[in-house]
C-alpha atoms as a PDB file:
ATOM      1  CA  UNK A   1     -15.064-109.450  18.991  1.00  0.00           C
ATOM      2  CA  UNK A   2     -12.118-109.209  21.374  1.00  0.00           C
ATOM      3  CA  UNK A   3     -13.975-108.510  24.616  1.00  0.00           C
ATOM      4  CA  UNK A   4     -11.686-105.662  25.074  1.00  0.00           C
ATOM      5  CA  UNK A   5     -12.944-101.643  25.151  1.00  0.00           C
ATOM      6  CA  UNK A   6     -10.410 -99.608  22.843  1.00  0.00           C
ATOM      7  CA  UNK A   7     -10.489 -95.937  24.087  1.00  0.00           C
ATOM      8  CA  UNK A   8      -7.654 -95.158  21.237  1.00  0.00           C
ATOM      9  CA  UNK A   9     -10.526 -95.923  18.697  1.00  0.00           C
ATOM     10  CA  UNK A  10     -11.261 -92.474  18.059  1.00  0.00           C
ATOM     11  CA  UNK A  11      -7.562 -91.442  17.689  1.00  0.00           C
ATOM     12  CA  UNK A  12      -7.099 -94.174  15.130  1.00  0.00           C
ATOM     13  CA  UNK A  13      -9.834 -92.231  13.170  1.00  0.00           C
ATOM     14  CA  UNK A  14      -7.940 -89.091  13.821  1.00  0.00           C
ATOM     15  CA  UNK A  15      -4.593 -90.583  12.452  1.00  0.00           C
ATOM     16  CA  UNK A  16      -6.983 -91.605   9.071  1.00  0.00           C
ATOM     17  CA  UNK A  17      -7.769 -88.146   8.821  1.00  0.00           C
ATOM     18  CA  UNK A  18      -4.336 -86.836   8.890  1.00  0.00           C
ATOM     19  CA  UNK A  19      -3.378 -89.359   6.468  1.00  0.00           C
ATOM     20  CA  UNK A  20      -5.925 -88.029   4.095  1.00  0.00           C
ATOM     21  CA  UNK A  21      -4.696 -84.676   4.584  1.00  0.00           C
ATOM     22  CA  UNK A  22      -1.145 -85.604   4.035  1.00  0.00           C
ATOM     23  CA  UNK A  23      -2.194 -87.338   0.777  1.00  0.00           C
ATOM     24  CA  UNK A  24      -4.054 -84.334  -0.501  1.00  0.00           C
ATOM     25  CA  UNK A  25      -0.958 -81.803   0.548  1.00  0.00           C
ATOM     26  CA  UNK A  26       1.800 -84.116  -1.208  1.00  0.00           C
ATOM     27  CA  UNK A  27      -0.215 -85.534  -4.407  1.00  0.00           C
ATOM     28  CA  UNK A  28      -3.401 -83.118  -4.691  1.00  0.00           C
ATOM     29  CA  UNK A  29      -5.423 -86.390  -4.517  1.00  0.00           C
ATOM     30  CA  UNK A  30      -8.614 -86.838  -2.570  1.00  0.00           C
ATOM     31  CA  UNK A  31     -10.356 -89.888  -0.996  1.00  0.00           C
ATOM     32  CA  UNK A  32     -10.018 -92.078  -4.054  1.00  0.00           C
ATOM     33  CA  UNK A  33      -6.237 -92.439  -3.209  1.00  0.00           C
ATOM     34  CA  UNK A  34      -6.419 -91.105   0.322  1.00  0.00           C
ATOM     35  CA  UNK A  35      -9.146 -93.590   1.805  1.00  0.00           C
ATOM     36  CA  UNK A  36      -7.383 -96.720   0.642  1.00  0.00           C
ATOM     37  CA  UNK A  37      -4.049 -95.678   1.660  1.00  0.00           C
ATOM     38  CA  UNK A  38      -5.417 -94.686   5.188  1.00  0.00           C
ATOM     39  CA  UNK A  39      -6.897 -98.179   5.392  1.00  0.00           C
ATOM     40  CA  UNK A  40      -3.571 -99.769   4.705  1.00  0.00           C
ATOM     41  CA  UNK A  41      -1.588 -97.530   7.011  1.00  0.00           C
ATOM     42  CA  UNK A  42      -4.168 -97.881  10.017  1.00  0.00           C
ATOM     43  CA  UNK A  43      -4.167-101.569   9.468  1.00  0.00           C
ATOM     44  CA  UNK A  44      -0.816-101.912   9.806  1.00  0.00           C
ATOM     45  CA  UNK A  45      -0.771 -99.884  12.660  1.00  0.00           C
ATOM     46  CA  UNK A  46      -3.493-101.953  14.362  1.00  0.00           C
ATOM     47  CA  UNK A  47      -1.404-105.107  13.809  1.00  0.00           C
ATOM     48  CA  UNK A  48       1.542-103.516  15.429  1.00  0.00           C
ATOM     49  CA  UNK A  49      -0.457-102.376  18.153  1.00  0.00           C
ATOM     50  CA  UNK A  50      -1.916-105.832  19.072  1.00  0.00           C
ATOM     51  CA  UNK A  51       1.409-107.383  19.203  1.00  0.00           C
ATOM     52  CA  UNK A  52       3.079-104.371  20.957  1.00  0.00           C
ATOM     53  CA  UNK A  53       0.481-103.824  23.566  1.00  0.00           C
ATOM     54  CA  UNK A  54      -2.832-105.252  23.340  1.00  0.00           C
ATOM     55  CA  UNK A  55      -1.676-109.085  23.477  1.00  0.00           C
ATOM     56  CA  UNK A  56      -0.001-108.449  27.032  1.00  0.00           C
ATOM     57  CA  UNK A  57      -2.705-106.017  28.660  1.00  0.00           C
ATOM     58  CA  UNK A  58      -5.515-108.979  27.768  1.00  0.00           C
ATOM     59  CA  UNK A  59      -3.617-111.066  30.480  1.00  0.00           C
ATOM     60  CA  UNK A  60      -4.272-108.881  32.722  1.00  0.00           C
ATOM     61  CA  UNK A  61      -7.454-107.246  34.747  1.00  0.00           C
ATOM     62  CA  UNK A  62     -10.068-105.154  32.955  1.00  0.00           C
ATOM     63  CA  UNK A  63      -8.412-101.887  34.495  1.00  0.00           C
ATOM     64  CA  UNK A  64      -5.099-102.594  32.671  1.00  0.00           C
ATOM     65  CA  UNK A  65      -6.951-102.950  29.358  1.00  0.00           C
ATOM     66  CA  UNK A  66      -8.745 -99.571  30.101  1.00  0.00           C
ATOM     67  CA  UNK A  67      -5.703 -97.901  31.167  1.00  0.00           C
ATOM     68  CA  UNK A  68      -3.481 -99.359  28.328  1.00  0.00           C
ATOM     69  CA  UNK A  69      -5.737 -98.372  25.658  1.00  0.00           C
ATOM     70  CA  UNK A  70      -6.375 -94.988  27.300  1.00  0.00           C
ATOM     71  CA  UNK A  71      -2.653 -94.355  27.573  1.00  0.00           C
ATOM     72  CA  UNK A  72      -2.374 -95.735  23.724  1.00  0.00           C
ATOM     73  CA  UNK A  73      -5.113 -92.936  22.956  1.00  0.00           C
ATOM     74  CA  UNK A  74      -2.793 -90.145  24.642  1.00  0.00           C
ATOM     75  CA  UNK A  75       0.235 -91.312  22.877  1.00  0.00           C
ATOM     76  CA  UNK A  76      -1.284 -91.093  19.460  1.00  0.00           C
ATOM     77  CA  UNK A  77      -2.769 -87.730  20.299  1.00  0.00           C
ATOM     78  CA  UNK A  78       0.252 -85.913  21.428  1.00  0.00           C
ATOM     79  CA  UNK A  79       2.206 -87.260  18.469  1.00  0.00           C
ATOM     80  CA  UNK A  80      -0.127 -85.821  16.278  1.00  0.00           C
ATOM     81  CA  UNK A  81       0.446 -82.506  18.288  1.00  0.00           C
ATOM     82  CA  UNK A  82       3.899 -82.800  18.011  1.00  0.00           C
ATOM     83  CA  UNK A  83       3.987 -83.614  14.173  1.00  0.00           C
ATOM     84  CA  UNK A  84       1.034 -81.473  12.870  1.00  0.00           C
ATOM     85  CA  UNK A  85       0.536 -78.921  15.547  1.00  0.00           C
ATOM     86  CA  UNK A  86      -2.577 -77.701  17.258  1.00  0.00           C
ATOM     87  CA  UNK A  87      -4.040 -75.618  14.049  1.00  0.00           C
ATOM     88  CA  UNK A  88      -7.365 -76.906  12.659  1.00  0.00           C
ATOM     89  CA  UNK A  89      -7.031 -78.264   9.256  1.00  0.00           C
ATOM     90  CA  UNK A  90      -9.619 -78.798   6.426  1.00  0.00           C
ATOM     91  CA  UNK A  91      -9.510 -80.349   3.082  1.00  0.00           C
ATOM     92  CA  UNK A  92     -11.044 -78.349   0.215  1.00  0.00           C
ATOM     93  CA  UNK A  93     -14.806 -78.411   0.147  1.00  0.00           C
ATOM     94  CA  UNK A  94     -15.014 -79.250  -3.588  1.00  0.00           C
ATOM     95  CA  UNK A  95     -12.518 -82.128  -2.892  1.00  0.00           C
ATOM     96  CA  UNK A  96     -15.422 -84.760  -3.900  1.00  0.00           C
ATOM     97  CA  UNK A  97     -17.753 -82.807  -5.456  1.00  0.00           C
ATOM     98  CA  UNK A  98     -20.845 -79.792  -4.915  1.00  0.00           C
ATOM     99  CA  UNK A  99     -24.122 -80.108  -3.157  1.00  0.00           C
ATOM    100  CA  UNK A 100     -27.157 -81.949  -4.580  1.00  0.00           C
ATOM    101  CA  UNK A 101     -30.643 -80.782  -4.038  1.00  0.00           C
ATOM    102  CA  UNK A 102     -33.005 -83.713  -3.393  1.00  0.00           C
ATOM    103  CA  UNK A 103     -36.613 -83.038  -3.020  1.00  0.00           C
ATOM    104  CA  UNK A 104     -35.587 -79.799  -1.398  1.00  0.00           C
ATOM    105  CA  UNK A 105     -32.872 -81.285   0.702  1.00  0.00           C
ATOM    106  CA  UNK A 106     -29.497 -80.079   0.202  1.00  0.00           C
ATOM    107  CA  UNK A 107     -27.008 -83.149   0.529  1.00  0.00           C
ATOM    108  CA  UNK A 108     -23.071 -82.564   0.541  1.00  0.00           C
ATOM    109  CA  UNK A 109     -21.599 -85.004  -2.078  1.00  0.00           C
ATOM    110  CA  UNK A 110     -18.714 -85.863   0.583  1.00  0.00           C
ATOM    111  CA  UNK A 111     -21.197 -86.838   3.240  1.00  0.00           C
ATOM    112  CA  UNK A 112     -23.222 -88.877   0.732  1.00  0.00           C
ATOM    113  CA  UNK A 113     -19.875 -90.690  -0.327  1.00  0.00           C
ATOM    114  CA  UNK A 114     -19.176 -91.328   3.335  1.00  0.00           C
ATOM    115  CA  UNK A 115     -22.409 -92.865   4.260  1.00  0.00           C
ATOM    116  CA  UNK A 116     -22.281 -94.931   1.134  1.00  0.00           C
ATOM    117  CA  UNK A 117     -19.013 -96.446   1.786  1.00  0.00           C
ATOM    118  CA  UNK A 118     -19.967 -96.675   5.352  1.00  0.00           C
ATOM    119  CA  UNK A 119     -23.123 -98.935   4.282  1.00  0.00           C
ATOM    120  CA  UNK A 120     -20.740-101.109   2.165  1.00  0.00           C
ATOM    121  CA  UNK A 121     -18.187-101.841   4.822  1.00  0.00           C
ATOM    122  CA  UNK A 122     -21.040-102.523   7.266  1.00  0.00           C
ATOM    123  CA  UNK A 123     -22.199-105.113   4.820  1.00  0.00           C
ATOM    124  CA  UNK A 124     -19.106-106.295   4.271  1.00  0.00           C
ATOM    125  CA  UNK A 125     -17.927-106.997   7.926  1.00  0.00           C
ATOM    126  CA  UNK A 126     -21.515-108.515   8.537  1.00  0.00           C
ATOM    127  CA  UNK A 127     -20.757-110.837   5.651  1.00  0.00           C
ATOM    128  CA  UNK A 128     -17.223-111.725   6.632  1.00  0.00           C
ATOM    129  CA  UNK A 129     -18.211-112.571  10.323  1.00  0.00           C
ATOM    130  CA  UNK A 130     -21.417-114.653   9.032  1.00  0.00           C
ATOM    131  CA  UNK A 131     -20.553-116.225   5.543  1.00  0.00           C
ATOM    132  CA  UNK A 132     -17.059-116.992   5.832  1.00  0.00           C
ATOM    133  CA  UNK A 133     -14.520-119.156   7.359  1.00  0.00           C
ATOM    134  CA  UNK A 134     -12.366-116.564   8.873  1.00  0.00           C
ATOM    135  CA  UNK A 135     -15.401-114.961  10.354  1.00  0.00           C
ATOM    136  CA  UNK A 136     -16.306-118.416  12.040  1.00  0.00           C
ATOM    137  CA  UNK A 137     -12.874-118.656  13.315  1.00  0.00           C
ATOM    138  CA  UNK A 138     -13.119-115.053  14.733  1.00  0.00           C
ATOM    139  CA  UNK A 139     -16.314-115.638  16.551  1.00  0.00           C
ATOM    140  CA  UNK A 140     -15.188-118.952  17.939  1.00  0.00           C
ATOM    141  CA  UNK A 141     -12.079-116.988  19.259  1.00  0.00           C
ATOM    142  CA  UNK A 142     -14.159-114.546  20.781  1.00  0.00           C
ATOM    143  CA  UNK A 143     -16.538-117.026  22.217  1.00  0.00           C
ATOM    144  CA  UNK A 144     -13.851-119.440  23.915  1.00  0.00           C
ATOM    145  CA  UNK A 145     -10.169-118.923  22.861  1.00  0.00           C
ATOM    146  CA  UNK A 146      -9.064-121.876  24.664  1.00  0.00           C
ATOM    147  CA  UNK A 147     -11.478-124.452  22.901  1.00  0.00           C
ATOM    148  CA  UNK A 148     -10.881-122.369  19.559  1.00  0.00           C
ATOM    149  CA  UNK A 149      -7.191-123.464  20.045  1.00  0.00           C
ATOM    150  CA  UNK A 150      -8.076-126.800  20.519  1.00  0.00           C
ATOM    151  CA  UNK A 151      -9.667-127.090  17.319  1.00  0.00           C
ATOM    152  CA  UNK A 152      -6.597-125.947  15.720  1.00  0.00           C
ATOM    153  CA  UNK A 153      -7.357-122.146  15.626  1.00  0.00           C
ATOM    154  CA  UNK A 154      -4.710-119.701  16.366  1.00  0.00           C
ATOM    155  CA  UNK A 155      -6.030-116.813  18.601  1.00  0.00           C
ATOM    156  CA  UNK A 156      -3.022-114.594  18.127  1.00  0.00           C
ATOM    157  CA  UNK A 157      -3.595-114.607  14.627  1.00  0.00           C
ATOM    158  CA  UNK A 158      -7.607-114.197  14.431  1.00  0.00           C
ATOM    159  CA  UNK A 159      -7.054-111.448  17.192  1.00  0.00           C
ATOM    160  CA  UNK A 160      -4.285-109.580  14.968  1.00  0.00           C
ATOM    161  CA  UNK A 161      -6.685-109.854  12.093  1.00  0.00           C
ATOM    162  CA  UNK A 162      -9.304-108.504  14.153  1.00  0.00           C
ATOM    163  CA  UNK A 163      -7.449-105.464  15.121  1.00  0.00           C
ATOM    164  CA  UNK A 164      -6.285-104.981  11.365  1.00  0.00           C
ATOM    165  CA  UNK A 165      -9.639-104.936  10.224  1.00  0.00           C
ATOM    166  CA  UNK A 166     -11.087-102.773  12.950  1.00  0.00           C
ATOM    167  CA  UNK A 167      -8.075-100.287  12.423  1.00  0.00           C
ATOM    168  CA  UNK A 168      -8.348-100.279   8.562  1.00  0.00           C
ATOM    169  CA  UNK A 169     -11.966 -99.333   9.079  1.00  0.00           C
ATOM    170  CA  UNK A 170     -11.398 -96.454  11.127  1.00  0.00           C
ATOM    171  CA  UNK A 171      -8.688 -95.185   8.671  1.00  0.00           C
ATOM    172  CA  UNK A 172     -11.216 -95.644   6.058  1.00  0.00           C
ATOM    173  CA  UNK A 173     -13.432 -93.645   8.195  1.00  0.00           C
ATOM    174  CA  UNK A 174     -11.276 -91.139   8.977  1.00  0.00           C
ATOM    175  CA  UNK A 175     -10.230 -90.409   5.198  1.00  0.00           C
ATOM    176  CA  UNK A 176     -13.625 -89.859   4.259  1.00  0.00           C
ATOM    177  CA  UNK A 177     -14.896 -87.673   7.351  1.00  0.00           C
ATOM    178  CA  UNK A 178     -11.911 -85.426   6.604  1.00  0.00           C
ATOM    179  CA  UNK A 179     -13.840 -84.421   3.500  1.00  0.00           C
ATOM    180  CA  UNK A 180     -16.342 -82.286   5.463  1.00  0.00           C
ATOM    181  CA  UNK A 181     -15.123 -82.156   9.086  1.00  0.00           C
ATOM    182  CA  UNK A 182     -12.197 -80.325  10.744  1.00  0.00           C
ATOM    183  CA  UNK A 183      -8.868 -82.011  11.390  1.00  0.00           C
ATOM    184  CA  UNK A 184      -7.377 -81.615  14.883  1.00  0.00           C
ATOM    185  CA  UNK A 185      -5.511 -83.937  17.311  1.00  0.00           C
ATOM    186  CA  UNK A 186      -8.170 -83.664  19.752  1.00  0.00           C
ATOM    187  CA  UNK A 187     -10.949 -84.970  17.136  1.00  0.00           C
ATOM    188  CA  UNK A 188     -11.026 -88.417  18.163  1.00  0.00           C
ATOM    189  CA  UNK A 189     -12.362 -87.410  21.613  1.00  0.00           C
ATOM    190  CA  UNK A 190     -15.660 -86.574  19.948  1.00  0.00           C
ATOM    191  CA  UNK A 191     -15.792 -89.426  17.488  1.00  0.00           C
ATOM    192  CA  UNK A 192     -14.971 -91.888  20.122  1.00  0.00           C
ATOM    193  CA  UNK A 193     -17.876 -90.895  22.342  1.00  0.00           C
ATOM    194  CA  UNK A 194     -20.174 -91.388  19.132  1.00  0.00           C
ATOM    195  CA  UNK A 195     -18.585 -94.596  18.570  1.00  0.00           C
ATOM    196  CA  UNK A 196     -19.162 -96.046  21.837  1.00  0.00           C
ATOM    197  CA  UNK A 197     -22.920 -94.788  22.120  1.00  0.00           C
ATOM    198  CA  UNK A 198     -23.470 -96.370  18.747  1.00  0.00           C
ATOM    199  CA  UNK A 199     -21.988 -99.740  19.636  1.00  0.00           C
ATOM    200  CA  UNK A 200     -23.511 -99.670  23.148  1.00  0.00           C
ATOM    201  CA  UNK A 201     -26.976 -98.599  21.625  1.00  0.00           C
ATOM    202  CA  UNK A 202     -26.701-101.348  18.603  1.00  0.00           C
ATOM    203  CA  UNK A 203     -25.402-104.118  21.008  1.00  0.00           C
ATOM    204  CA  UNK A 204     -21.817-105.067  21.564  1.00  0.00           C
ATOM    205  CA  UNK A 205     -20.682-107.801  18.965  1.00  0.00           C
ATOM    206  CA  UNK A 206     -23.731-107.091  16.458  1.00  0.00           C
ATOM    207  CA  UNK A 207     -22.884-105.407  13.217  1.00  0.00           C
ATOM    208  CA  UNK A 208     -26.515-104.773  12.191  1.00  0.00           C
ATOM    209  CA  UNK A 209     -27.318-103.298  15.427  1.00  0.00           C
ATOM    210  CA  UNK A 210     -24.402-100.946  15.002  1.00  0.00           C
ATOM    211  CA  UNK A 211     -25.813 -99.984  11.666  1.00  0.00           C
ATOM    212  CA  UNK A 212     -29.353 -99.388  12.953  1.00  0.00           C
ATOM    213  CA  UNK A 213     -27.993 -97.385  15.784  1.00  0.00           C
ATOM    214  CA  UNK A 214     -25.773 -95.455  13.732  1.00  0.00           C
ATOM    215  CA  UNK A 215     -28.506 -94.434  11.566  1.00  0.00           C
ATOM    216  CA  UNK A 216     -30.872 -93.797  14.544  1.00  0.00           C
ATOM    217  CA  UNK A 217     -28.421 -91.443  16.168  1.00  0.00           C
ATOM    218  CA  UNK A 218     -27.926 -89.608  12.877  1.00  0.00           C
ATOM    219  CA  UNK A 219     -31.530 -88.937  12.208  1.00  0.00           C
ATOM    220  CA  UNK A 220     -32.050 -88.021  16.081  1.00  0.00           C
ATOM    221  CA  UNK A 221     -29.067 -85.574  15.813  1.00  0.00           C
ATOM    222  CA  UNK A 222     -30.458 -83.891  12.646  1.00  0.00           C
ATOM    223  CA  UNK A 223     -33.936 -83.547  13.557  1.00  0.00           C
ATOM    224  CA  UNK A 224     -32.963 -82.308  17.270  1.00  0.00           C
ATOM    225  CA  UNK A 225     -30.467 -79.633  15.489  1.00  0.00           C
ATOM    226  CA  UNK A 226     -33.305 -78.672  13.174  1.00  0.00           C
ATOM    227  CA  UNK A 227     -36.163 -78.262  15.778  1.00  0.00           C
ATOM    228  CA  UNK A 228     -34.300 -77.065  19.125  1.00  0.00           C
ATOM    229  CA  UNK A 229     -30.753 -76.071  18.002  1.00  0.00           C
ATOM    230  CA  UNK A 230     -27.288 -77.573  17.071  1.00  0.00           C
ATOM    231  CA  UNK A 231     -26.148 -76.759  20.682  1.00  0.00           C
ATOM    232  CA  UNK A 232     -28.752 -79.026  22.459  1.00  0.00           C
ATOM    233  CA  UNK A 233     -28.702 -82.149  19.882  1.00  0.00           C
ATOM    234  CA  UNK A 234     -26.074 -84.286  22.015  1.00  0.00           C
ATOM    235  CA  UNK A 235     -28.198 -83.732  25.195  1.00  0.00           C
ATOM    236  CA  UNK A 236     -31.114 -85.144  23.275  1.00  0.00           C
ATOM    237  CA  UNK A 237     -29.005 -88.059  21.983  1.00  0.00           C
ATOM    238  CA  UNK A 238     -27.423 -89.020  25.175  1.00  0.00           C
ATOM    239  CA  UNK A 239     -30.742 -88.509  27.151  1.00  0.00           C
ATOM    240  CA  UNK A 240     -32.521 -90.679  24.739  1.00  0.00           C
ATOM    241  CA  UNK A 241     -29.775 -93.287  24.874  1.00  0.00           C
ATOM    242  CA  UNK A 242     -29.515 -93.379  28.579  1.00  0.00           C
ATOM    243  CA  UNK A 243     -33.305 -94.110  28.653  1.00  0.00           C
ATOM    244  CA  UNK A 244     -33.334 -96.861  26.078  1.00  0.00           C
ATOM    245  CA  UNK A 245     -30.437 -98.756  28.033  1.00  0.00           C
ATOM    246  CA  UNK A 246     -32.346 -98.295  31.243  1.00  0.00           C
ATOM    247  CA  UNK A 247     -34.926-100.772  29.806  1.00  0.00           C
ATOM    248  CA  UNK A 248     -32.661-102.572  27.513  1.00  0.00           C
ATOM    249  CA  UNK A 249     -29.374-102.564  28.751  1.00  0.00           C
ATOM    250  CA  UNK A 250     -27.990-105.117  26.132  1.00  0.00           C
ATOM    251  CA  UNK A 251     -28.797-102.663  23.360  1.00  0.00           C
ATOM    252  CA  UNK A 252     -31.046-103.313  20.038  1.00  0.00           C
ATOM    253  CA  UNK A 253     -29.513-106.489  18.750  1.00  0.00           C
ATOM    254  CA  UNK A 254     -27.286-107.456  21.630  1.00  0.00           C
ATOM    255  CA  UNK A 255     -27.592-110.740  23.352  1.00  0.00           C
ATOM    256  CA  UNK A 256     -29.324-111.007  26.664  1.00  0.00           C
END
């Protein structure tokens, strides 16, 4: 919504994973406590990052924005290395629950929880942007910040809120992903690539498009891993992604 590519997005998710791990280590609590706490911590970090870095680099050229967020990613990543080390960490497999057998398909409760929360968050974001005054103001700032300011909207406030929401969502996602995925400072690289592909395929600025793209990528990955092999699933996904953008560069639901 801010017309800026955040290369540190995956590292925000990584921090959310570490928050969940710290909550489990200190209190023995699962995502019921870790996920909301990670969302609050990352939302606060998002506001700090906006006023400390993003607000300034947005005034510069696109190259400054790319290098600025890339530098932020490195700062967060190597701070995690310094604080937690380079060892792979995991949460207990039964921290959420066991495995369900649905029509012969074995589904982990942790993955089911993450998927359900992801759907709810996506719906909430869509309703926020399309059904609330705050969402209208954020869209107005994204469309033309100068005109929005003339209408009495404060772009700084709207953009800070946008960063808080985005970072809070990454914290929530990281805490839920940590229940079934390894935790290491470099995990943000992998997650960021998937996020960029999802947003590009869905269409920049479209929440329903991101949801559709995420579901589509997940299905293709699973089928590819089952039919061809887990090693080749990324090749299939990225090949289809590039082929699709060749014919529709704006994505599934992006504006032409």
